[in-house]
Structure formats: C-alpha cells, structure tokens
Amino acid sequence: MNVILVGGGNTGSHLARILLEEKHTVRLIEERPALLEKLRQELPPEVVIAGDGASPALLEQAGARTANVLAAVTGSDDTNLVIASLARFEFSVPRIIGRVNNPKNAWLFTPEMGVDVALNQADILAHLVAEEMSLGDMMTLMKLRRGEYSLIEEKVHPTCLVVGKKLKEITLPKECTITAIIRAHQLIIPHGETQLLPTDEVLALVHQNQLREFAALLAPQTPITR
C-alpha cells in the first residue's frame, strides 16, 4: 500500500514508523527544518520529503496520483482541509484521513471537503475514557461501521465464566465473534476446539449493543459465600 503522510510531528512520525514496519510504502512531507533533521535521523532517507504539503507539485512528487491513502495530520486544521481537498479532487486519492486539532472545526471534516475519516483526538479520548469507565479492562482498538461495531481486546480473568472452555462450548452474543487470541506473546487464530486460558488476551468483533454482555463472559465472578 502506498501512503502519504503530511505533517511530521508526533502523530505523523509515529504513523510512519508503524506503516514502515508493516512493509508499506510511505512518504512523509514536512517543512519545519528542526523536525526535518530529526525525521531524517529516524526514518529511511527516501521517506522524508521537505516542503509544503499543501503544494500540488509537492504532492505529485510524493506520488499522490498512485497513493492508496493520504493522511493530513499537521497541526493546522485549515492546512489539513486544503490538503484533503487537493488529494480528493486533484489527485483522486481513494482514502483520505484528516486530523482535527480544534474540536470546534470537526463539522468541516466531511466527504464534501475530501475527508473520509476525521481524526478528532479530543472525541477519541472522550470515548476511550467513557468506555474504560464503563467496561473495566476492556480496550477498544477500532470502531467500524460508524461505531456500530468495535474491535476490542480484553483479558480472560482466571475466575470468569468461560475460562477453560472450548470456543464451541461458549454461547457468545449473537453479533460477536472472537477473531484472535494472544497467549504468551503468540497470536493464535482460534477454532472450535481452542480453549480459553487464564490471562489470554482475546480480540473480538462485537456489536455496540452487546459489549457489556460479552465483557460479562470474561469478567471475574464473585465467589458465593455460604
């Protein structure tokens, strides 16, 4: 996959490292001299492009006409919107992500402005805090279908209802599937005979309305006292 990132701050540089580790082709555009020096020390030389990411000529140089994804993650909402519009209407990039720095500007980051996905960090943090408060140790990794489904991660508690059971023996919520299990730092693709062991980390795709029901299966059970 060919990815263009515009903005070499913490967000852009971190994304670049992750994408490179996953063997994607990445071009990172940044114009601030101090950041450029740092980026060139951290990333392969062909990745970093110096200049204004809102320049059509520079976007073309970075490969915008063949890019699969462009992420505008600068610290300026105005700049991110200009870049998104250029990517969509000048270069027809299929997937465009725009970073929202000021939550008051979130309403501008729409498909009509060229943005497919708006990264509103304040909104993401607020949702994460709310989910952590209501769902205990469950961590939301990704939202799908406009938040209708969540890819979540949660540990199997040693006293939970399903510990030691095979997946085929567990009645999961109707719109829920266990997609992977991490055990002793190894990724396991589960099947019906796979047992859930204490401290397994379960990755599951769950409908928003059934998160609590699924969480209850993996949560600790209160001992019955006589």
C-alpha atoms as a PDB file:
ATOM      1  CA  MET A   1       0.000   0.000   0.000  1.00  0.00           C
ATOM      2  CA  ASN A   2       1.245   3.483  -0.884  1.00  0.00           C
ATOM      3  CA  VAL A   3       0.669   6.023   1.888  1.00  0.00           C
ATOM      4  CA  ILE A   4       1.384   9.749   2.001  1.00  0.00           C
ATOM      5  CA  LEU A   5       1.569  11.452   5.389  1.00  0.00           C
ATOM      6  CA  VAL A   6       1.595  15.243   5.606  1.00  0.00           C
ATOM      7  CA  GLY A   7       2.873  16.501   8.946  1.00  0.00           C
ATOM      8  CA  GLY A   8       5.957  15.118  10.682  1.00  0.00           C
ATOM      9  CA  GLY A   9       5.072  15.796  14.309  1.00  0.00           C
ATOM     10  CA  ASN A  10       4.464  13.071  16.866  1.00  0.00           C
ATOM     11  CA  THR A  11       1.386  11.729  15.069  1.00  0.00           C
ATOM     12  CA  GLY A  12       2.910  11.660  11.584  1.00  0.00           C
ATOM     13  CA  SER A  13       6.280  10.249  12.613  1.00  0.00           C
ATOM     14  CA  HIS A  14       4.668   7.533  14.735  1.00  0.00           C
ATOM     15  CA  LEU A  15       2.345   6.544  11.889  1.00  0.00           C
ATOM     16  CA  ALA A  16       5.296   6.424   9.505  1.00  0.00           C
ATOM     17  CA  ARG A  17       7.244   4.037  11.739  1.00  0.00           C
ATOM     18  CA  ILE A  18       4.263   1.710  12.162  1.00  0.00           C
ATOM     19  CA  LEU A  19       3.496   1.635   8.436  1.00  0.00           C
ATOM     20  CA  LEU A  20       7.130   1.019   7.518  1.00  0.00           C
ATOM     21  CA  GLU A  21       7.313  -1.868   9.977  1.00  0.00           C
ATOM     22  CA  GLU A  22       4.312  -3.355   8.172  1.00  0.00           C
ATOM     23  CA  LYS A  23       6.188  -3.031   4.839  1.00  0.00           C
ATOM     24  CA  HIS A  24       4.053  -0.292   3.303  1.00  0.00           C
ATOM     25  CA  THR A  25       5.492   2.371   1.007  1.00  0.00           C
ATOM     26  CA  VAL A  26       5.471   5.662   2.922  1.00  0.00           C
ATOM     27  CA  ARG A  27       6.247   9.268   2.023  1.00  0.00           C
ATOM     28  CA  LEU A  28       6.219  11.818   4.842  1.00  0.00           C
ATOM     29  CA  ILE A  29       6.037  15.529   3.954  1.00  0.00           C
ATOM     30  CA  GLU A  30       7.290  18.128   6.457  1.00  0.00           C
ATOM     31  CA  GLU A  31       8.531  21.707   6.049  1.00  0.00           C
ATOM     32  CA  ARG A  32       9.871  22.658   9.507  1.00  0.00           C
ATOM     33  CA  PRO A  33      13.702  22.467   9.452  1.00  0.00           C
ATOM     34  CA  ALA A  34      14.100  21.278  13.044  1.00  0.00           C
ATOM     35  CA  LEU A  35      11.649  18.421  12.539  1.00  0.00           C
ATOM     36  CA  LEU A  36      13.159  17.506   9.178  1.00  0.00           C
ATOM     37  CA  GLU A  37      16.551  16.965  10.770  1.00  0.00           C
ATOM     38  CA  LYS A  38      15.023  14.713  13.410  1.00  0.00           C
ATOM     39  CA  LEU A  39      12.935  12.756  10.898  1.00  0.00           C
ATOM     40  CA  ARG A  40      15.924  12.138   8.649  1.00  0.00           C
ATOM     41  CA  GLN A  41      17.755  10.590  11.578  1.00  0.00           C
ATOM     42  CA  GLU A  42      14.831   8.309  12.446  1.00  0.00           C
ATOM     43  CA  LEU A  43      13.474   7.277   9.031  1.00  0.00           C
ATOM     44  CA  PRO A  44      14.949   5.994   5.746  1.00  0.00           C
ATOM     45  CA  PRO A  45      16.105   8.896   3.531  1.00  0.00           C
ATOM     46  CA  GLU A  46      13.635   8.195   0.729  1.00  0.00           C
ATOM     47  CA  VAL A  47      10.669   8.506   3.113  1.00  0.00           C
ATOM     48  CA  VAL A  48      11.094  12.149   4.152  1.00  0.00           C
ATOM     49  CA  ILE A  49      10.197  14.920   1.676  1.00  0.00           C
ATOM     50  CA  ALA A  50      10.884  18.557   2.563  1.00  0.00           C
ATOM     51  CA  GLY A  51       8.323  21.178   1.650  1.00  0.00           C
ATOM     52  CA  ASP A  52       4.761  22.415   1.914  1.00  0.00           C
ATOM     53  CA  GLY A  53       2.270  19.552   1.876  1.00  0.00           C
ATOM     54  CA  ALA A  54      -0.420  21.880   0.553  1.00  0.00           C
ATOM     55  CA  SER A  55       1.563  22.317  -2.675  1.00  0.00           C
ATOM     56  CA  PRO A  56       0.054  20.326  -5.575  1.00  0.00           C
ATOM     57  CA  ALA A  57       3.515  19.983  -7.156  1.00  0.00           C
ATOM     58  CA  LEU A  58       4.975  18.504  -3.990  1.00  0.00           C
ATOM     59  CA  LEU A  59       2.044  16.128  -3.524  1.00  0.00           C
ATOM     60  CA  GLU A  60       2.565  14.925  -7.074  1.00  0.00           C
ATOM     61  CA  GLN A  61       6.276  14.475  -6.364  1.00  0.00           C
ATOM     62  CA  ALA A  62       5.361  12.397  -3.318  1.00  0.00           C
ATOM     63  CA  GLY A  63       3.252  10.092  -5.501  1.00  0.00           C
ATOM     64  CA  ALA A  64      -0.285  11.353  -4.847  1.00  0.00           C
ATOM     65  CA  ARG A  65      -1.538  10.046  -8.214  1.00  0.00           C
ATOM     66  CA  THR A  66      -0.783   6.447  -7.197  1.00  0.00           C
ATOM     67  CA  ALA A  67      -1.342   6.734  -3.425  1.00  0.00           C
ATOM     68  CA  ASN A  68      -3.884   4.453  -1.760  1.00  0.00           C
ATOM     69  CA  VAL A  69      -4.171   6.595   1.367  1.00  0.00           C
ATOM     70  CA  LEU A  70      -3.295  10.160   2.329  1.00  0.00           C
ATOM     71  CA  ALA A  71      -3.319  11.355   5.933  1.00  0.00           C
ATOM     72  CA  ALA A  72      -3.199  15.104   6.602  1.00  0.00           C
ATOM     73  CA  VAL A  73      -2.014  15.284  10.213  1.00  0.00           C
ATOM     74  CA  THR A  74      -0.474  18.735  10.547  1.00  0.00           C
ATOM     75  CA  GLY A  75      -1.203  20.998  13.492  1.00  0.00           C
ATOM     76  CA  SER A  76      -3.391  23.297  11.381  1.00  0.00           C
ATOM     77  CA  ASP A  77      -6.992  22.411  10.581  1.00  0.00           C
ATOM     78  CA  ASP A  78      -7.016  24.828   7.639  1.00  0.00           C
ATOM     79  CA  THR A  79      -3.953  23.162   6.155  1.00  0.00           C
ATOM     80  CA  ASN A  80      -5.359  19.683   6.671  1.00  0.00           C
ATOM     81  CA  LEU A  81      -8.574  20.626   4.864  1.00  0.00           C
ATOM     82  CA  VAL A  82      -6.679  22.145   1.923  1.00  0.00           C
ATOM     83  CA  ILE A  83      -4.532  19.011   1.626  1.00  0.00           C
ATOM     84  CA  ALA A  84      -7.579  16.728   1.856  1.00  0.00           C
ATOM     85  CA  SER A  85      -9.384  18.675  -0.861  1.00  0.00           C
ATOM     86  CA  LEU A  86      -6.349  18.544  -3.158  1.00  0.00           C
ATOM     87  CA  ALA A  87      -5.913  14.832  -2.542  1.00  0.00           C
ATOM     88  CA  ARG A  88      -9.541  14.103  -3.363  1.00  0.00           C
ATOM     89  CA  PHE A  89     -10.375  16.497  -6.184  1.00  0.00           C
ATOM     90  CA  GLU A  90      -6.968  16.948  -7.851  1.00  0.00           C
ATOM     91  CA  PHE A  91      -5.384  13.511  -7.358  1.00  0.00           C
ATOM     92  CA  SER A  92      -8.401  11.229  -6.666  1.00  0.00           C
ATOM     93  CA  VAL A  93      -6.748   9.511  -3.699  1.00  0.00           C
ATOM     94  CA  PRO A  94      -9.176   6.715  -2.670  1.00  0.00           C
ATOM     95  CA  ARG A  95      -8.870   7.120   1.111  1.00  0.00           C
ATOM     96  CA  ILE A  96      -8.218  10.400   2.913  1.00  0.00           C
ATOM     97  CA  ILE A  97      -7.750  10.943   6.639  1.00  0.00           C
ATOM     98  CA  GLY A  98      -7.783  14.384   8.227  1.00  0.00           C
ATOM     99  CA  ARG A  99      -6.620  15.297  11.710  1.00  0.00           C
ATOM    100  CA  VAL A 100      -8.935  17.622  13.665  1.00  0.00           C
ATOM    101  CA  ASN A 101      -6.926  19.788  16.052  1.00  0.00           C
ATOM    102  CA  ASN A 102      -9.729  22.056  17.272  1.00  0.00           C
ATOM    103  CA  PRO A 103     -12.948  20.103  18.064  1.00  0.00           C
ATOM    104  CA  LYS A 104     -14.970  23.168  17.029  1.00  0.00           C
ATOM    105  CA  ASN A 105     -13.820  22.562  13.442  1.00  0.00           C
ATOM    106  CA  ALA A 106     -14.900  18.915  13.323  1.00  0.00           C
ATOM    107  CA  TRP A 107     -18.038  19.749  11.325  1.00  0.00           C
ATOM    108  CA  LEU A 108     -15.863  20.841   8.402  1.00  0.00           C
ATOM    109  CA  PHE A 109     -14.126  17.475   8.043  1.00  0.00           C
ATOM    110  CA  THR A 110     -16.658  15.822   5.747  1.00  0.00           C
ATOM    111  CA  PRO A 111     -16.567  13.835   2.491  1.00  0.00           C
ATOM    112  CA  GLU A 112     -17.709  17.005   0.700  1.00  0.00           C
ATOM    113  CA  MET A 113     -14.408  18.581   1.820  1.00  0.00           C
ATOM    114  CA  GLY A 114     -12.466  15.483   0.765  1.00  0.00           C
ATOM    115  CA  VAL A 115     -12.178  13.823   4.196  1.00  0.00           C
ATOM    116  CA  ASP A 116     -13.241  10.173   4.565  1.00  0.00           C
ATOM    117  CA  VAL A 117     -12.115   9.765   8.174  1.00  0.00           C
ATOM    118  CA  ALA A 118     -11.762  12.635  10.647  1.00  0.00           C
ATOM    119  CA  LEU A 119      -9.293  12.001  13.463  1.00  0.00           C
ATOM    120  CA  ASN A 120     -10.807  14.095  16.223  1.00  0.00           C
ATOM    121  CA  GLN A 121      -8.389  13.357  19.064  1.00  0.00           C
ATOM    122  CA  ALA A 122     -10.499  15.048  21.734  1.00  0.00           C
ATOM    123  CA  ASP A 123     -13.517  12.981  20.697  1.00  0.00           C
ATOM    124  CA  ILE A 124     -11.481   9.759  20.612  1.00  0.00           C
ATOM    125  CA  LEU A 125     -10.073  10.410  24.076  1.00  0.00           C
ATOM    126  CA  ALA A 126     -13.507  11.209  25.474  1.00  0.00           C
ATOM    127  CA  HIS A 127     -14.935   7.968  24.107  1.00  0.00           C
ATOM    128  CA  LEU A 128     -11.986   5.960  25.384  1.00  0.00           C
ATOM    129  CA  VAL A 129     -12.376   7.434  28.869  1.00  0.00           C
ATOM    130  CA  ALA A 130     -16.097   6.678  28.859  1.00  0.00           C
ATOM    131  CA  GLU A 131     -15.529   3.114  27.653  1.00  0.00           C
ATOM    132  CA  GLU A 132     -12.786   2.461  30.180  1.00  0.00           C
ATOM    133  CA  MET A 133     -15.054   3.716  32.975  1.00  0.00           C
ATOM    134  CA  SER A 134     -17.995   1.574  31.909  1.00  0.00           C
ATOM    135  CA  LEU A 135     -16.291  -1.569  30.643  1.00  0.00           C
ATOM    136  CA  GLY A 136     -13.479  -2.115  33.112  1.00  0.00           C
ATOM    137  CA  ASP A 137     -10.372  -3.558  31.481  1.00  0.00           C
ATOM    138  CA  MET A 138     -11.885  -3.807  28.016  1.00  0.00           C
ATOM    139  CA  MET A 139      -9.936  -1.794  25.450  1.00  0.00           C
ATOM    140  CA  THR A 140     -11.460  -0.583  22.186  1.00  0.00           C
ATOM    141  CA  LEU A 141      -8.924  -0.957  19.366  1.00  0.00           C
ATOM    142  CA  MET A 142     -11.058   0.174  16.438  1.00  0.00           C
ATOM    143  CA  LYS A 143     -14.560   1.346  15.539  1.00  0.00           C
ATOM    144  CA  LEU A 144     -16.252   0.044  12.391  1.00  0.00           C
ATOM    145  CA  ARG A 145     -19.436   0.967  10.525  1.00  0.00           C
ATOM    146  CA  ARG A 146     -19.576   4.427  12.158  1.00  0.00           C
ATOM    147  CA  GLY A 147     -19.227   2.988  15.636  1.00  0.00           C
ATOM    148  CA  GLU A 148     -21.815   0.228  15.210  1.00  0.00           C
ATOM    149  CA  TYR A 149     -19.153  -2.451  15.784  1.00  0.00           C
ATOM    150  CA  SER A 150     -15.994  -2.424  17.885  1.00  0.00           C
ATOM    151  CA  LEU A 151     -12.803  -4.462  17.693  1.00  0.00           C
ATOM    152  CA  ILE A 152     -11.995  -4.936  21.359  1.00  0.00           C
ATOM    153  CA  GLU A 153      -9.278  -6.541  23.467  1.00  0.00           C
ATOM    154  CA  GLU A 154      -9.833  -7.993  26.912  1.00  0.00           C
ATOM    155  CA  LYS A 155      -8.054 -10.468  29.179  1.00  0.00           C
ATOM    156  CA  VAL A 156      -9.647 -13.716  30.327  1.00  0.00           C
ATOM    157  CA  HIS A 157      -9.960 -13.481  34.108  1.00  0.00           C
ATOM    158  CA  PRO A 158      -8.999 -16.696  35.998  1.00  0.00           C
ATOM    159  CA  THR A 159     -12.451 -16.841  37.652  1.00  0.00           C
ATOM    160  CA  CYS A 160     -14.603 -15.867  34.664  1.00  0.00           C
ATOM    161  CA  LEU A 161     -17.498 -17.941  33.303  1.00  0.00           C
ATOM    162  CA  VAL A 162     -15.688 -19.210  30.207  1.00  0.00           C
ATOM    163  CA  VAL A 163     -12.166 -19.958  31.472  1.00  0.00           C
ATOM    164  CA  GLY A 164     -11.051 -23.453  30.473  1.00  0.00           C
ATOM    165  CA  LYS A 165     -13.906 -23.877  27.998  1.00  0.00           C
ATOM    166  CA  LYS A 166     -13.565 -24.574  24.286  1.00  0.00           C
ATOM    167  CA  LEU A 167     -14.960 -21.920  21.976  1.00  0.00           C
ATOM    168  CA  LYS A 168     -17.579 -24.338  20.638  1.00  0.00           C
ATOM    169  CA  GLU A 169     -18.876 -24.692  24.202  1.00  0.00           C
ATOM    170  CA  ILE A 170     -19.329 -20.944  24.722  1.00  0.00           C
ATOM    171  CA  THR A 171     -22.550 -19.147  23.824  1.00  0.00           C
ATOM    172  CA  LEU A 172     -21.408 -15.778  22.540  1.00  0.00           C
ATOM    173  CA  PRO A 173     -23.723 -12.822  21.921  1.00  0.00           C
ATOM    174  CA  LYS A 174     -25.395 -13.100  18.516  1.00  0.00           C
ATOM    175  CA  GLU A 175     -23.359 -10.342  16.838  1.00  0.00           C
ATOM    176  CA  CYS A 176     -19.963 -11.201  18.277  1.00  0.00           C
ATOM    177  CA  THR A 177     -17.020 -13.254  17.060  1.00  0.00           C
ATOM    178  CA  ILE A 178     -13.641 -13.980  18.623  1.00  0.00           C
ATOM    179  CA  THR A 179     -11.094 -13.195  15.922  1.00  0.00           C
ATOM    180  CA  ALA A 180      -7.779 -13.919  17.676  1.00  0.00           C
ATOM    181  CA  ILE A 181      -6.173 -14.852  20.980  1.00  0.00           C
ATOM    182  CA  ILE A 182      -2.809 -13.630  22.239  1.00  0.00           C
ATOM    183  CA  ARG A 183      -1.183 -16.173  24.557  1.00  0.00           C
ATOM    184  CA  ALA A 184       2.359 -15.823  25.893  1.00  0.00           C
ATOM    185  CA  HIS A 185       3.110 -13.219  23.186  1.00  0.00           C
ATOM    186  CA  GLN A 186       1.945 -15.616  20.454  1.00  0.00           C
ATOM    187  CA  LEU A 187      -1.007 -14.889  18.162  1.00  0.00           C
ATOM    188  CA  ILE A 188      -3.477 -17.777  17.883  1.00  0.00           C
ATOM    189  CA  ILE A 189      -6.155 -17.961  15.184  1.00  0.00           C
ATOM    190  CA  PRO A 190      -8.955 -19.686  17.126  1.00  0.00           C
ATOM    191  CA  HIS A 191     -11.256 -22.538  16.112  1.00  0.00           C
ATOM    192  CA  GLY A 192     -13.955 -24.506  17.883  1.00  0.00           C
ATOM    193  CA  GLU A 193     -11.511 -26.671  19.849  1.00  0.00           C
ATOM    194  CA  THR A 194      -9.478 -23.707  21.138  1.00  0.00           C
ATOM    195  CA  GLN A 195      -9.676 -23.331  24.925  1.00  0.00           C
ATOM    196  CA  LEU A 196      -9.680 -20.002  26.716  1.00  0.00           C
ATOM    197  CA  LEU A 197      -6.977 -19.998  29.364  1.00  0.00           C
ATOM    198  CA  PRO A 198      -6.431 -17.593  32.266  1.00  0.00           C
ATOM    199  CA  THR A 199      -4.782 -14.309  31.197  1.00  0.00           C
ATOM    200  CA  ASP A 200      -5.352 -14.987  27.462  1.00  0.00           C
ATOM    201  CA  GLU A 201      -5.893 -11.701  25.623  1.00  0.00           C
ATOM    202  CA  VAL A 202      -8.982 -12.041  23.474  1.00  0.00           C
ATOM    203  CA  LEU A 203      -9.582  -9.939  20.356  1.00  0.00           C
ATOM    204  CA  ALA A 204     -13.240  -9.864  19.367  1.00  0.00           C
ATOM    205  CA  LEU A 205     -15.524  -8.034  16.959  1.00  0.00           C
ATOM    206  CA  VAL A 206     -18.645  -7.066  18.880  1.00  0.00           C
ATOM    207  CA  HIS A 207     -21.796  -5.075  18.152  1.00  0.00           C
ATOM    208  CA  GLN A 208     -22.022  -1.918  20.243  1.00  0.00           C
ATOM    209  CA  ASN A 209     -25.208  -3.125  21.959  1.00  0.00           C
ATOM    210  CA  GLN A 210     -23.575  -6.374  23.108  1.00  0.00           C
ATOM    211  CA  LEU A 211     -20.291  -5.080  24.568  1.00  0.00           C
ATOM    212  CA  ARG A 212     -21.459  -5.441  28.164  1.00  0.00           C
ATOM    213  CA  GLU A 213     -22.825  -8.938  27.559  1.00  0.00           C
ATOM    214  CA  PHE A 214     -19.510 -10.034  26.053  1.00  0.00           C
ATOM    215  CA  ALA A 215     -17.486  -8.327  28.806  1.00  0.00           C
ATOM    216  CA  ALA A 216     -19.503 -10.227  31.430  1.00  0.00           C
ATOM    217  CA  LEU A 217     -18.306 -13.567  30.000  1.00  0.00           C
ATOM    218  CA  LEU A 218     -14.645 -12.673  30.653  1.00  0.00           C
ATOM    219  CA  ALA A 219     -15.105 -10.732  33.883  1.00  0.00           C
ATOM    220  CA  PRO A 220     -14.275 -12.100  37.361  1.00  0.00           C
ATOM    221  CA  GLN A 221     -17.100 -13.871  39.152  1.00  0.00           C
ATOM    222  CA  THR A 222     -17.892 -13.088  42.779  1.00  0.00           C
ATOM    223  CA  PRO A 223     -17.499 -16.212  44.937  1.00  0.00           C
ATOM    224  CA  ILE A 224     -20.695 -17.468  46.533  1.00  0.00           C
ATOM    225  CA  THR A 225     -20.407 -17.397  50.319  1.00  0.00           C
ATOM    226  CA  ARG A 226     -22.378 -19.813  52.491  1.00  0.00           C
END
